[in-house]
Amino acid sequence: MVESMSKPSGSCTLSIKGKICLNIVGHMSEGIWILDSGATDHMTPCSVSFDSYGKRNKEQLITVANGQGIPICGSGNIILDSSIVLKDVLHVPQLANSLIS
């Protein structure tokens, strides 16, 4: 992944207190993707990133860090690289960044 970045940059944090949480941030051509071990699913606000996509008929919400529920509009697959495909990625337009769970 670092090889595909035009300007490699990022950060990494690790918290340990009963549970381990890993958070890695990297800048990629599609925007910012955050590796978040606390996320339940892959998710992105970017509708144009999807290779395949299906809308959700029933309103479903995800709960973000502040406890607010924000809607999931659909889901599908995203090709990050010729060898990396994220499956069942949730489309959540109100997210600030894309998350890899």
PDB file of N, CA and C in Angstrom:
ATOM      1  N   MET A   1       0.823  -1.178   0.000  1.00  0.00           N
ATOM      2  CA  MET A   1       0.000   0.000   0.000  1.00  0.00           C
ATOM      3  C   MET A   1       0.868   1.243   0.000  1.00  0.00           C
ATOM      4  N   VAL A   2       1.946   1.282   0.741  1.00  0.00           N
ATOM      5  CA  VAL A   2       2.805   2.458   0.800  1.00  0.00           C
ATOM      6  C   VAL A   2       3.380   2.763  -0.572  1.00  0.00           C
ATOM      7  N   GLU A   3       3.686   1.723  -1.371  1.00  0.00           N
ATOM      8  CA  GLU A   3       4.256   1.932  -2.689  1.00  0.00           C
ATOM      9  C   GLU A   3       3.309   2.684  -3.608  1.00  0.00           C
ATOM     10  N   SER A   4       1.990   2.556  -3.411  1.00  0.00           N
ATOM     11  CA  SER A   4       1.028   3.207  -4.289  1.00  0.00           C
ATOM     12  C   SER A   4       0.731   4.650  -3.891  1.00  0.00           C
ATOM     13  N   MET A   5       1.263   5.107  -2.790  1.00  0.00           N
ATOM     14  CA  MET A   5       1.014   6.465  -2.336  1.00  0.00           C
ATOM     15  C   MET A   5       1.929   7.441  -3.059  1.00  0.00           C
ATOM     16  N   SER A   6       1.353   8.563  -3.505  1.00  0.00           N
ATOM     17  CA  SER A   6       2.183   9.565  -4.153  1.00  0.00           C
ATOM     18  C   SER A   6       3.086  10.260  -3.144  1.00  0.00           C
ATOM     19  N   LYS A   7       2.575  10.513  -1.960  1.00  0.00           N
ATOM     20  CA  LYS A   7       3.356  11.098  -0.877  1.00  0.00           C
ATOM     21  C   LYS A   7       3.132  10.252   0.364  1.00  0.00           C
ATOM     22  N   PRO A   8       3.968   9.257   0.600  1.00  0.00           N
ATOM     23  CA  PRO A   8       3.750   8.413   1.777  1.00  0.00           C
ATOM     24  C   PRO A   8       3.732   9.239   3.056  1.00  0.00           C
ATOM     25  N   SER A   9       2.681   9.085   3.806  1.00  0.00           N
ATOM     26  CA  SER A   9       2.579   9.759   5.098  1.00  0.00           C
ATOM     27  C   SER A   9       1.539   9.023   5.911  1.00  0.00           C
ATOM     28  N   GLY A  10       1.510   9.286   7.191  1.00  0.00           N
ATOM     29  CA  GLY A  10       0.509   8.647   8.012  1.00  0.00           C
ATOM     30  C   GLY A  10       0.907   8.612   9.458  1.00  0.00           C
ATOM     31  N   SER A  11       0.100   7.939  10.236  1.00  0.00           N
ATOM     32  CA  SER A  11       0.365   7.818  11.660  1.00  0.00           C
ATOM     33  C   SER A  11      -0.179   6.482  12.141  1.00  0.00           C
ATOM     34  N   CYS A  12       0.245   6.088  13.319  1.00  0.00           N
ATOM     35  CA  CYS A  12      -0.203   4.829  13.897  1.00  0.00           C
ATOM     36  C   CYS A  12      -0.338   5.015  15.397  1.00  0.00           C
ATOM     37  N   THR A  13      -1.429   4.531  15.966  1.00  0.00           N
ATOM     38  CA  THR A  13      -1.606   4.569  17.415  1.00  0.00           C
ATOM     39  C   THR A  13      -2.077   3.202  17.884  1.00  0.00           C
ATOM     40  N   LEU A  14      -1.742   2.867  19.100  1.00  0.00           N
ATOM     41  CA  LEU A  14      -2.162   1.597  19.689  1.00  0.00           C
ATOM     42  C   LEU A  14      -2.512   1.856  21.141  1.00  0.00           C
ATOM     43  N   SER A  15      -3.735   1.492  21.535  1.00  0.00           N
ATOM     44  CA  SER A  15      -4.174   1.657  22.920  1.00  0.00           C
ATOM     45  C   SER A  15      -4.414   0.291  23.532  1.00  0.00           C
ATOM     46  N   ILE A  16      -3.963   0.118  24.760  1.00  0.00           N
ATOM     47  CA  ILE A  16      -4.200  -1.145  25.457  1.00  0.00           C
ATOM     48  C   ILE A  16      -4.716  -0.837  26.858  1.00  0.00           C
ATOM     49  N   LYS A  17      -5.966  -1.205  27.103  1.00  0.00           N
ATOM     50  CA  LYS A  17      -6.554  -1.109  28.441  1.00  0.00           C
ATOM     51  C   LYS A  17      -7.733  -2.068  28.444  1.00  0.00           C
ATOM     52  N   GLY A  18      -7.454  -3.303  28.708  1.00  0.00           N
ATOM     53  CA  GLY A  18      -8.492  -4.320  28.665  1.00  0.00           C
ATOM     54  C   GLY A  18      -8.725  -4.850  27.260  1.00  0.00           C
ATOM     55  N   LYS A  19      -8.779  -3.956  26.281  1.00  0.00           N
ATOM     56  CA  LYS A  19      -8.950  -4.334  24.881  1.00  0.00           C
ATOM     57  C   LYS A  19      -7.877  -3.628  24.064  1.00  0.00           C
ATOM     58  N   ILE A  20      -7.513  -4.228  22.978  1.00  0.00           N
ATOM     59  CA  ILE A  20      -6.523  -3.619  22.095  1.00  0.00           C
ATOM     60  C   ILE A  20      -7.246  -2.932  20.948  1.00  0.00           C
ATOM     61  N   CYS A  21      -6.863  -1.718  20.661  1.00  0.00           N
ATOM     62  CA  CYS A  21      -7.422  -0.972  19.549  1.00  0.00           C
ATOM     63  C   CYS A  21      -6.269  -0.440  18.710  1.00  0.00           C
ATOM     64  N   LEU A  22      -6.287  -0.712  17.434  1.00  0.00           N
ATOM     65  CA  LEU A  22      -5.236  -0.267  16.530  1.00  0.00           C
ATOM     66  C   LEU A  22      -5.828   0.723  15.550  1.00  0.00           C
ATOM     67  N   ASN A  23      -5.144   1.817  15.305  1.00  0.00           N
ATOM     68  CA  ASN A  23      -5.609   2.839  14.385  1.00  0.00           C
ATOM     69  C   ASN A  23      -4.431   3.283  13.538  1.00  0.00           C
ATOM     70  N   ILE A  24      -4.501   3.044  12.237  1.00  0.00           N
ATOM     71  CA  ILE A  24      -3.445   3.449  11.316  1.00  0.00           C
ATOM     72  C   ILE A  24      -4.079   4.330  10.250  1.00  0.00           C
ATOM     73  N   VAL A  25      -3.459   5.465   9.962  1.00  0.00           N
ATOM     74  CA  VAL A  25      -3.970   6.379   8.953  1.00  0.00           C
ATOM     75  C   VAL A  25      -2.979   6.457   7.812  1.00  0.00           C
ATOM     76  N   GLY A  26      -3.458   6.363   6.598  1.00  0.00           N
ATOM     77  CA  GLY A  26      -2.599   6.508   5.430  1.00  0.00           C
ATOM     78  C   GLY A  26      -3.307   7.317   4.365  1.00  0.00           C
ATOM     79  N   HIS A  27      -2.568   8.116   3.621  1.00  0.00           N
ATOM     80  CA  HIS A  27      -3.146   8.929   2.555  1.00  0.00           C
ATOM     81  C   HIS A  27      -3.000   8.182   1.240  1.00  0.00           C
ATOM     82  N   MET A  28      -4.128   7.912   0.585  1.00  0.00           N
ATOM     83  CA  MET A  28      -4.127   7.201  -0.682  1.00  0.00           C
ATOM     84  C   MET A  28      -4.841   8.061  -1.710  1.00  0.00           C
ATOM     85  N   SER A  29      -4.764   7.667  -2.958  1.00  0.00           N
ATOM     86  CA  SER A  29      -5.364   8.455  -4.032  1.00  0.00           C
ATOM     87  C   SER A  29      -6.881   8.588  -3.880  1.00  0.00           C
ATOM     88  N   GLU A  30      -7.547   7.624  -3.268  1.00  0.00           N
ATOM     89  CA  GLU A  30      -8.995   7.682  -3.081  1.00  0.00           C
ATOM     90  C   GLU A  30      -9.388   8.549  -1.891  1.00  0.00           C
ATOM     91  N   GLY A  31      -8.451   9.093  -1.178  1.00  0.00           N
ATOM     92  CA  GLY A  31      -8.733   9.863   0.013  1.00  0.00           C
ATOM     93  C   GLY A  31      -8.045   9.220   1.198  1.00  0.00           C
ATOM     94  N   ILE A  32      -8.533   9.508   2.353  1.00  0.00           N
ATOM     95  CA  ILE A  32      -7.937   8.962   3.571  1.00  0.00           C
ATOM     96  C   ILE A  32      -8.691   7.700   3.971  1.00  0.00           C
ATOM     97  N   TRP A  33      -7.961   6.616   4.162  1.00  0.00           N
ATOM     98  CA  TRP A  33      -8.512   5.363   4.679  1.00  0.00           C
ATOM     99  C   TRP A  33      -7.882   5.121   6.034  1.00  0.00           C
ATOM    100  N   ILE A  34      -8.684   4.863   7.031  1.00  0.00           N
ATOM    101  CA  ILE A  34      -8.206   4.628   8.389  1.00  0.00           C
ATOM    102  C   ILE A  34      -8.410   3.154   8.724  1.00  0.00           C
ATOM    103  N   LEU A  35      -7.327   2.485   9.112  1.00  0.00           N
ATOM    104  CA  LEU A  35      -7.417   1.104   9.579  1.00  0.00           C
ATOM    105  C   LEU A  35      -7.842   1.167  11.035  1.00  0.00           C
ATOM    106  N   ASP A  36      -9.071   0.719  11.324  1.00  0.00           N
ATOM    107  CA  ASP A  36      -9.665   0.869  12.651  1.00  0.00           C
ATOM    108  C   ASP A  36     -10.142  -0.493  13.150  1.00  0.00           C
ATOM    109  N   SER A  37      -9.392  -1.082  14.065  1.00  0.00           N
ATOM    110  CA  SER A  37      -9.757  -2.409  14.572  1.00  0.00           C
ATOM    111  C   SER A  37     -11.034  -2.379  15.406  1.00  0.00           C
ATOM    112  N   GLY A  38     -11.496  -1.210  15.795  1.00  0.00           N
ATOM    113  CA  GLY A  38     -12.737  -1.089  16.545  1.00  0.00           C
ATOM    114  C   GLY A  38     -13.968  -0.977  15.658  1.00  0.00           C
ATOM    115  N   ALA A  39     -13.777  -0.776  14.353  1.00  0.00           N
ATOM    116  CA  ALA A  39     -14.909  -0.679  13.427  1.00  0.00           C
ATOM    117  C   ALA A  39     -15.486  -2.071  13.170  1.00  0.00           C
ATOM    118  N   THR A  40     -16.804  -2.148  13.076  1.00  0.00           N
ATOM    119  CA  THR A  40     -17.459  -3.437  12.849  1.00  0.00           C
ATOM    120  C   THR A  40     -17.464  -3.835  11.378  1.00  0.00           C
ATOM    121  N   ASP A  41     -17.356  -2.854  10.489  1.00  0.00           N
ATOM    122  CA  ASP A  41     -17.393  -3.098   9.047  1.00  0.00           C
ATOM    123  C   ASP A  41     -16.479  -2.105   8.339  1.00  0.00           C
ATOM    124  N   HIS A  42     -16.092  -2.427   7.093  1.00  0.00           N
ATOM    125  CA  HIS A  42     -15.457  -1.436   6.234  1.00  0.00           C
ATOM    126  C   HIS A  42     -16.549  -0.435   5.879  1.00  0.00           C
ATOM    127  N   MET A  43     -16.213   0.863   5.793  1.00  0.00           N
ATOM    128  CA  MET A  43     -17.209   1.862   5.409  1.00  0.00           C
ATOM    129  C   MET A  43     -16.548   3.084   4.796  1.00  0.00           C
ATOM    130  N   THR A  44     -17.291   3.768   3.932  1.00  0.00           N
ATOM    131  CA  THR A  44     -16.768   4.940   3.241  1.00  0.00           C
ATOM    132  C   THR A  44     -17.885   5.937   2.953  1.00  0.00           C
ATOM    133  N   PRO A  45     -17.549   7.240   2.905  1.00  0.00           N
ATOM    134  CA  PRO A  45     -18.530   8.234   2.494  1.00  0.00           C
ATOM    135  C   PRO A  45     -18.568   8.420   0.971  1.00  0.00           C
ATOM    136  N   CYS A  46     -17.614   7.841   0.246  1.00  0.00           N
ATOM    137  CA  CYS A  46     -17.430   8.096  -1.189  1.00  0.00           C
ATOM    138  C   CYS A  46     -18.202   7.110  -2.056  1.00  0.00           C
ATOM    139  N   SER A  47     -19.252   7.563  -2.701  1.00  0.00           N
ATOM    140  CA  SER A  47     -20.055   6.676  -3.547  1.00  0.00           C
ATOM    141  C   SER A  47     -19.326   6.299  -4.835  1.00  0.00           C
ATOM    142  N   VAL A  48     -18.425   7.141  -5.318  1.00  0.00           N
ATOM    143  CA  VAL A  48     -17.729   6.867  -6.582  1.00  0.00           C
ATOM    144  C   VAL A  48     -16.657   5.794  -6.448  1.00  0.00           C
ATOM    145  N   SER A  49     -16.307   5.406  -5.239  1.00  0.00           N
ATOM    146  CA  SER A  49     -15.261   4.405  -5.014  1.00  0.00           C
ATOM    147  C   SER A  49     -15.725   2.978  -5.282  1.00  0.00           C
ATOM    148  N   PHE A  50     -17.029   2.745  -5.355  1.00  0.00           N
ATOM    149  CA  PHE A  50     -17.558   1.384  -5.442  1.00  0.00           C
ATOM    150  C   PHE A  50     -17.423   0.782  -6.837  1.00  0.00           C
ATOM    151  N   ASP A  51     -16.987  -0.479  -6.883  1.00  0.00           N
ATOM    152  CA  ASP A  51     -16.936  -1.250  -8.121  1.00  0.00           C
ATOM    153  C   ASP A  51     -18.293  -1.911  -8.362  1.00  0.00           C
ATOM    154  N   SER A  52     -18.928  -2.361  -7.290  1.00  0.00           N
ATOM    155  CA  SER A  52     -20.295  -2.889  -7.330  1.00  0.00           C
ATOM    156  C   SER A  52     -21.036  -2.256  -6.164  1.00  0.00           C
ATOM    157  N   TYR A  53     -22.349  -2.047  -6.313  1.00  0.00           N
ATOM    158  CA  TYR A  53     -23.083  -1.294  -5.294  1.00  0.00           C
ATOM    159  C   TYR A  53     -24.544  -1.714  -5.272  1.00  0.00           C
ATOM    160  N   GLY A  54     -25.105  -1.784  -4.073  1.00  0.00           N
ATOM    161  CA  GLY A  54     -26.528  -2.037  -3.901  1.00  0.00           C
ATOM    162  C   GLY A  54     -27.084  -1.110  -2.833  1.00  0.00           C
ATOM    163  N   LYS A  55     -28.228  -0.479  -3.131  1.00  0.00           N
ATOM    164  CA  LYS A  55     -28.863   0.409  -2.150  1.00  0.00           C
ATOM    165  C   LYS A  55     -29.537  -0.412  -1.064  1.00  0.00           C
ATOM    166  N   ARG A  56     -29.663   0.178   0.116  1.00  0.00           N
ATOM    167  CA  ARG A  56     -30.372  -0.460   1.228  1.00  0.00           C
ATOM    168  C   ARG A  56     -31.836  -0.057   1.168  1.00  0.00           C
ATOM    169  N   ASN A  57     -32.738  -1.033   1.215  1.00  0.00           N
ATOM    170  CA  ASN A  57     -34.173  -0.751   1.203  1.00  0.00           C
ATOM    171  C   ASN A  57     -34.663  -0.294   2.565  1.00  0.00           C
ATOM    172  N   LYS A  58     -34.116  -0.879   3.607  1.00  0.00           N
ATOM    173  CA  LYS A  58     -34.519  -0.577   4.974  1.00  0.00           C
ATOM    174  C   LYS A  58     -33.477   0.356   5.593  1.00  0.00           C
ATOM    175  N   GLU A  59     -33.931   1.380   6.313  1.00  0.00           N
ATOM    176  CA  GLU A  59     -32.980   2.299   6.940  1.00  0.00           C
ATOM    177  C   GLU A  59     -32.247   1.607   8.080  1.00  0.00           C
ATOM    178  N   GLN A  60     -30.934   1.605   7.981  1.00  0.00           N
ATOM    179  CA  GLN A  60     -30.075   1.076   9.032  1.00  0.00           C
ATOM    180  C   GLN A  60     -29.105   2.176   9.424  1.00  0.00           C
ATOM    181  N   LEU A  61     -28.714   2.173  10.690  1.00  0.00           N
ATOM    182  CA  LEU A  61     -27.808   3.196  11.200  1.00  0.00           C
ATOM    183  C   LEU A  61     -26.537   2.558  11.738  1.00  0.00           C
ATOM    184  N   ILE A  62     -25.438   3.303  11.661  1.00  0.00           N
ATOM    185  CA  ILE A  62     -24.238   2.938  12.405  1.00  0.00           C
ATOM    186  C   ILE A  62     -24.119   3.943  13.536  1.00  0.00           C
ATOM    187  N   THR A  63     -23.509   3.540  14.618  1.00  0.00           N
ATOM    188  CA  THR A  63     -23.294   4.437  15.751  1.00  0.00           C
ATOM    189  C   THR A  63     -21.840   4.875  15.742  1.00  0.00           C
ATOM    190  N   VAL A  64     -21.625   6.194  15.719  1.00  0.00           N
ATOM    191  CA  VAL A  64     -20.267   6.738  15.711  1.00  0.00           C
ATOM    192  C   VAL A  64     -19.818   7.041  17.137  1.00  0.00           C
ATOM    193  N   ALA A  65     -18.581   7.493  17.281  1.00  0.00           N
ATOM    194  CA  ALA A  65     -17.951   7.657  18.598  1.00  0.00           C
ATOM    195  C   ALA A  65     -18.746   8.518  19.570  1.00  0.00           C
ATOM    196  N   ASN A  66     -19.441   9.550  19.079  1.00  0.00           N
ATOM    197  CA  ASN A  66     -20.195  10.425  19.983  1.00  0.00           C
ATOM    198  C   ASN A  66     -21.582   9.879  20.307  1.00  0.00           C
ATOM    199  N   GLY A  67     -21.893   8.656  19.845  1.00  0.00           N
ATOM    200  CA  GLY A  67     -23.177   8.033  20.132  1.00  0.00           C
ATOM    201  C   GLY A  67     -24.261   8.331  19.114  1.00  0.00           C
ATOM    202  N   GLN A  68     -23.979   9.197  18.164  1.00  0.00           N
ATOM    203  CA  GLN A  68     -24.954   9.560  17.140  1.00  0.00           C
ATOM    204  C   GLN A  68     -25.117   8.425  16.135  1.00  0.00           C
ATOM    205  N   GLY A  69     -26.340   8.203  15.689  1.00  0.00           N
ATOM    206  CA  GLY A  69     -26.606   7.217  14.646  1.00  0.00           C
ATOM    207  C   GLY A  69     -26.665   7.901  13.293  1.00  0.00           C
ATOM    208  N   ILE A  70     -25.906   7.395  12.320  1.00  0.00           N
ATOM    209  CA  ILE A  70     -25.946   7.963  10.976  1.00  0.00           C
ATOM    210  C   ILE A  70     -26.300   6.854   9.981  1.00  0.00           C
ATOM    211  N   PRO A  71     -27.064   7.209   8.923  1.00  0.00           N
ATOM    212  CA  PRO A  71     -27.621   6.187   8.038  1.00  0.00           C
ATOM    213  C   PRO A  71     -26.620   5.561   7.068  1.00  0.00           C
ATOM    214  N   ILE A  72     -26.872   4.279   6.790  1.00  0.00           N
ATOM    215  CA  ILE A  72     -26.155   3.528   5.760  1.00  0.00           C
ATOM    216  C   ILE A  72     -27.024   3.603   4.504  1.00  0.00           C
ATOM    217  N   CYS A  73     -26.456   4.067   3.395  1.00  0.00           N
ATOM    218  CA  CYS A  73     -27.225   4.198   2.153  1.00  0.00           C
ATOM    219  C   CYS A  73     -27.155   2.964   1.267  1.00  0.00           C
ATOM    220  N   GLY A  74     -26.060   2.212   1.377  1.00  0.00           N
ATOM    221  CA  GLY A  74     -25.892   1.035   0.542  1.00  0.00           C
ATOM    222  C   GLY A  74     -24.616   0.313   0.907  1.00  0.00           C
ATOM    223  N   SER A  75     -24.245  -0.661   0.082  1.00  0.00           N
ATOM    224  CA  SER A  75     -22.996  -1.390   0.312  1.00  0.00           C
ATOM    225  C   SER A  75     -22.534  -2.022  -0.988  1.00  0.00           C
ATOM    226  N   GLY A  76     -21.264  -2.400  -1.009  1.00  0.00           N
ATOM    227  CA  GLY A  76     -20.708  -3.031  -2.197  1.00  0.00           C
ATOM    228  C   GLY A  76     -19.233  -3.296  -2.033  1.00  0.00           C
ATOM    229  N   ASN A  77     -18.576  -3.550  -3.154  1.00  0.00           N
ATOM    230  CA  ASN A  77     -17.147  -3.854  -3.149  1.00  0.00           C
ATOM    231  C   ASN A  77     -16.344  -2.675  -3.685  1.00  0.00           C
ATOM    232  N   ILE A  78     -15.153  -2.487  -3.127  1.00  0.00           N
ATOM    233  CA  ILE A  78     -14.240  -1.428  -3.562  1.00  0.00           C
ATOM    234  C   ILE A  78     -12.895  -2.060  -3.874  1.00  0.00           C
ATOM    235  N   ILE A  79     -12.353  -1.730  -5.041  1.00  0.00           N
ATOM    236  CA  ILE A  79     -11.025  -2.207  -5.428  1.00  0.00           C
ATOM    237  C   ILE A  79     -10.027  -1.112  -5.072  1.00  0.00           C
ATOM    238  N   LEU A  80      -9.174  -1.380  -4.076  1.00  0.00           N
ATOM    239  CA  LEU A  80      -8.156  -0.413  -3.665  1.00  0.00           C
ATOM    240  C   LEU A  80      -6.922  -0.501  -4.547  1.00  0.00           C
ATOM    241  N   ASP A  81      -6.625  -1.707  -4.985  1.00  0.00           N
ATOM    242  CA  ASP A  81      -5.436  -1.995  -5.776  1.00  0.00           C
ATOM    243  C   ASP A  81      -5.781  -3.235  -6.594  1.00  0.00           C
ATOM    244  N   SER A  82      -5.012  -3.548  -7.596  1.00  0.00           N
ATOM    245  CA  SER A  82      -5.337  -4.721  -8.415  1.00  0.00           C
ATOM    246  C   SER A  82      -5.399  -6.011  -7.599  1.00  0.00           C
ATOM    247  N   SER A  83      -4.732  -6.031  -6.454  1.00  0.00           N
ATOM    248  CA  SER A  83      -4.736  -7.238  -5.621  1.00  0.00           C
ATOM    249  C   SER A  83      -5.489  -7.062  -4.303  1.00  0.00           C
ATOM    250  N   ILE A  84      -6.084  -5.891  -4.070  1.00  0.00           N
ATOM    251  CA  ILE A  84      -6.798  -5.642  -2.809  1.00  0.00           C
ATOM    252  C   ILE A  84      -8.239  -5.236  -3.107  1.00  0.00           C
ATOM    253  N   VAL A  85      -9.181  -6.103  -2.722  1.00  0.00           N
ATOM    254  CA  VAL A  85     -10.605  -5.821  -2.888  1.00  0.00           C
ATOM    255  C   VAL A  85     -11.257  -5.866  -1.513  1.00  0.00           C
ATOM    256  N   LEU A  86     -11.929  -4.789  -1.147  1.00  0.00           N
ATOM    257  CA  LEU A  86     -12.704  -4.767   0.100  1.00  0.00           C
ATOM    258  C   LEU A  86     -14.135  -5.154  -0.249  1.00  0.00           C
ATOM    259  N   LYS A  87     -14.661  -6.172   0.420  1.00  0.00           N
ATOM    260  CA  LYS A  87     -16.011  -6.658   0.144  1.00  0.00           C
ATOM    261  C   LYS A  87     -16.980  -6.166   1.209  1.00  0.00           C
ATOM    262  N   ASP A  88     -18.220  -5.993   0.802  1.00  0.00           N
ATOM    263  CA  ASP A  88     -19.309  -5.588   1.710  1.00  0.00           C
ATOM    264  C   ASP A  88     -18.996  -4.285   2.439  1.00  0.00           C
ATOM    265  N   VAL A  89     -18.469  -3.302   1.730  1.00  0.00           N
ATOM    266  CA  VAL A  89     -18.162  -1.990   2.304  1.00  0.00           C
ATOM    267  C   VAL A  89     -19.462  -1.204   2.421  1.00  0.00           C
ATOM    268  N   LEU A  90     -19.708  -0.622   3.590  1.00  0.00           N
ATOM    269  CA  LEU A  90     -20.915   0.174   3.804  1.00  0.00           C
ATOM    270  C   LEU A  90     -20.713   1.579   3.252  1.00  0.00           C
ATOM    271  N   HIS A  91     -21.744   2.110   2.578  1.00  0.00           N
ATOM    272  CA  HIS A  91     -21.715   3.491   2.093  1.00  0.00           C
ATOM    273  C   HIS A  91     -22.430   4.363   3.123  1.00  0.00           C
ATOM    274  N   VAL A  92     -21.650   5.193   3.816  1.00  0.00           N
ATOM    275  CA  VAL A  92     -22.167   6.063   4.877  1.00  0.00           C
ATOM    276  C   VAL A  92     -21.721   7.491   4.543  1.00  0.00           C
ATOM    277  N   PRO A  93     -22.539   8.248   3.779  1.00  0.00           N
ATOM    278  CA  PRO A  93     -22.127   9.558   3.277  1.00  0.00           C
ATOM    279  C   PRO A  93     -21.704  10.570   4.340  1.00  0.00           C
ATOM    280  N   GLN A  94     -22.198  10.452   5.564  1.00  0.00           N
ATOM    281  CA  GLN A  94     -21.878  11.435   6.599  1.00  0.00           C
ATOM    282  C   GLN A  94     -20.555  11.171   7.313  1.00  0.00           C
ATOM    283  N   LEU A  95     -19.857  10.081   6.984  1.00  0.00           N
ATOM    284  CA  LEU A  95     -18.549   9.820   7.601  1.00  0.00           C
ATOM    285  C   LEU A  95     -17.528  10.835   7.115  1.00  0.00           C
ATOM    286  N   ALA A  96     -16.564  11.167   7.968  1.00  0.00           N
ATOM    287  CA  ALA A  96     -15.488  12.084   7.586  1.00  0.00           C
ATOM    288  C   ALA A  96     -14.429  11.379   6.748  1.00  0.00           C
ATOM    289  N   ASN A  97     -14.149  10.113   7.045  1.00  0.00           N
ATOM    290  CA  ASN A  97     -13.111   9.344   6.357  1.00  0.00           C
ATOM    291  C   ASN A  97     -13.573   7.910   6.158  1.00  0.00           C
ATOM    292  N   SER A  98     -12.885   7.215   5.278  1.00  0.00           N
ATOM    293  CA  SER A  98     -13.169   5.804   5.041  1.00  0.00           C
ATOM    294  C   SER A  98     -12.475   4.950   6.091  1.00  0.00           C
ATOM    295  N   LEU A  99     -13.142   3.874   6.525  1.00  0.00           N
ATOM    296  CA  LEU A  99     -12.606   2.997   7.564  1.00  0.00           C
ATOM    297  C   LEU A  99     -12.432   1.580   7.035  1.00  0.00           C
ATOM    298  N   ILE A 100     -11.284   0.994   7.336  1.00  0.00           N
ATOM    299  CA  ILE A 100     -11.047  -0.420   7.074  1.00  0.00           C
ATOM    300  C   ILE A 100     -11.091  -1.117   8.421  1.00  0.00           C
ATOM    301  N   SER A 101     -12.008  -2.079   8.567  1.00  0.00           N
ATOM    302  CA  SER A 101     -12.167  -2.745   9.869  1.00  0.00           C
ATOM    303  C   SER A 101     -11.200  -3.891  10.039  1.00  0.00           C
TER     304      SER A 101
END
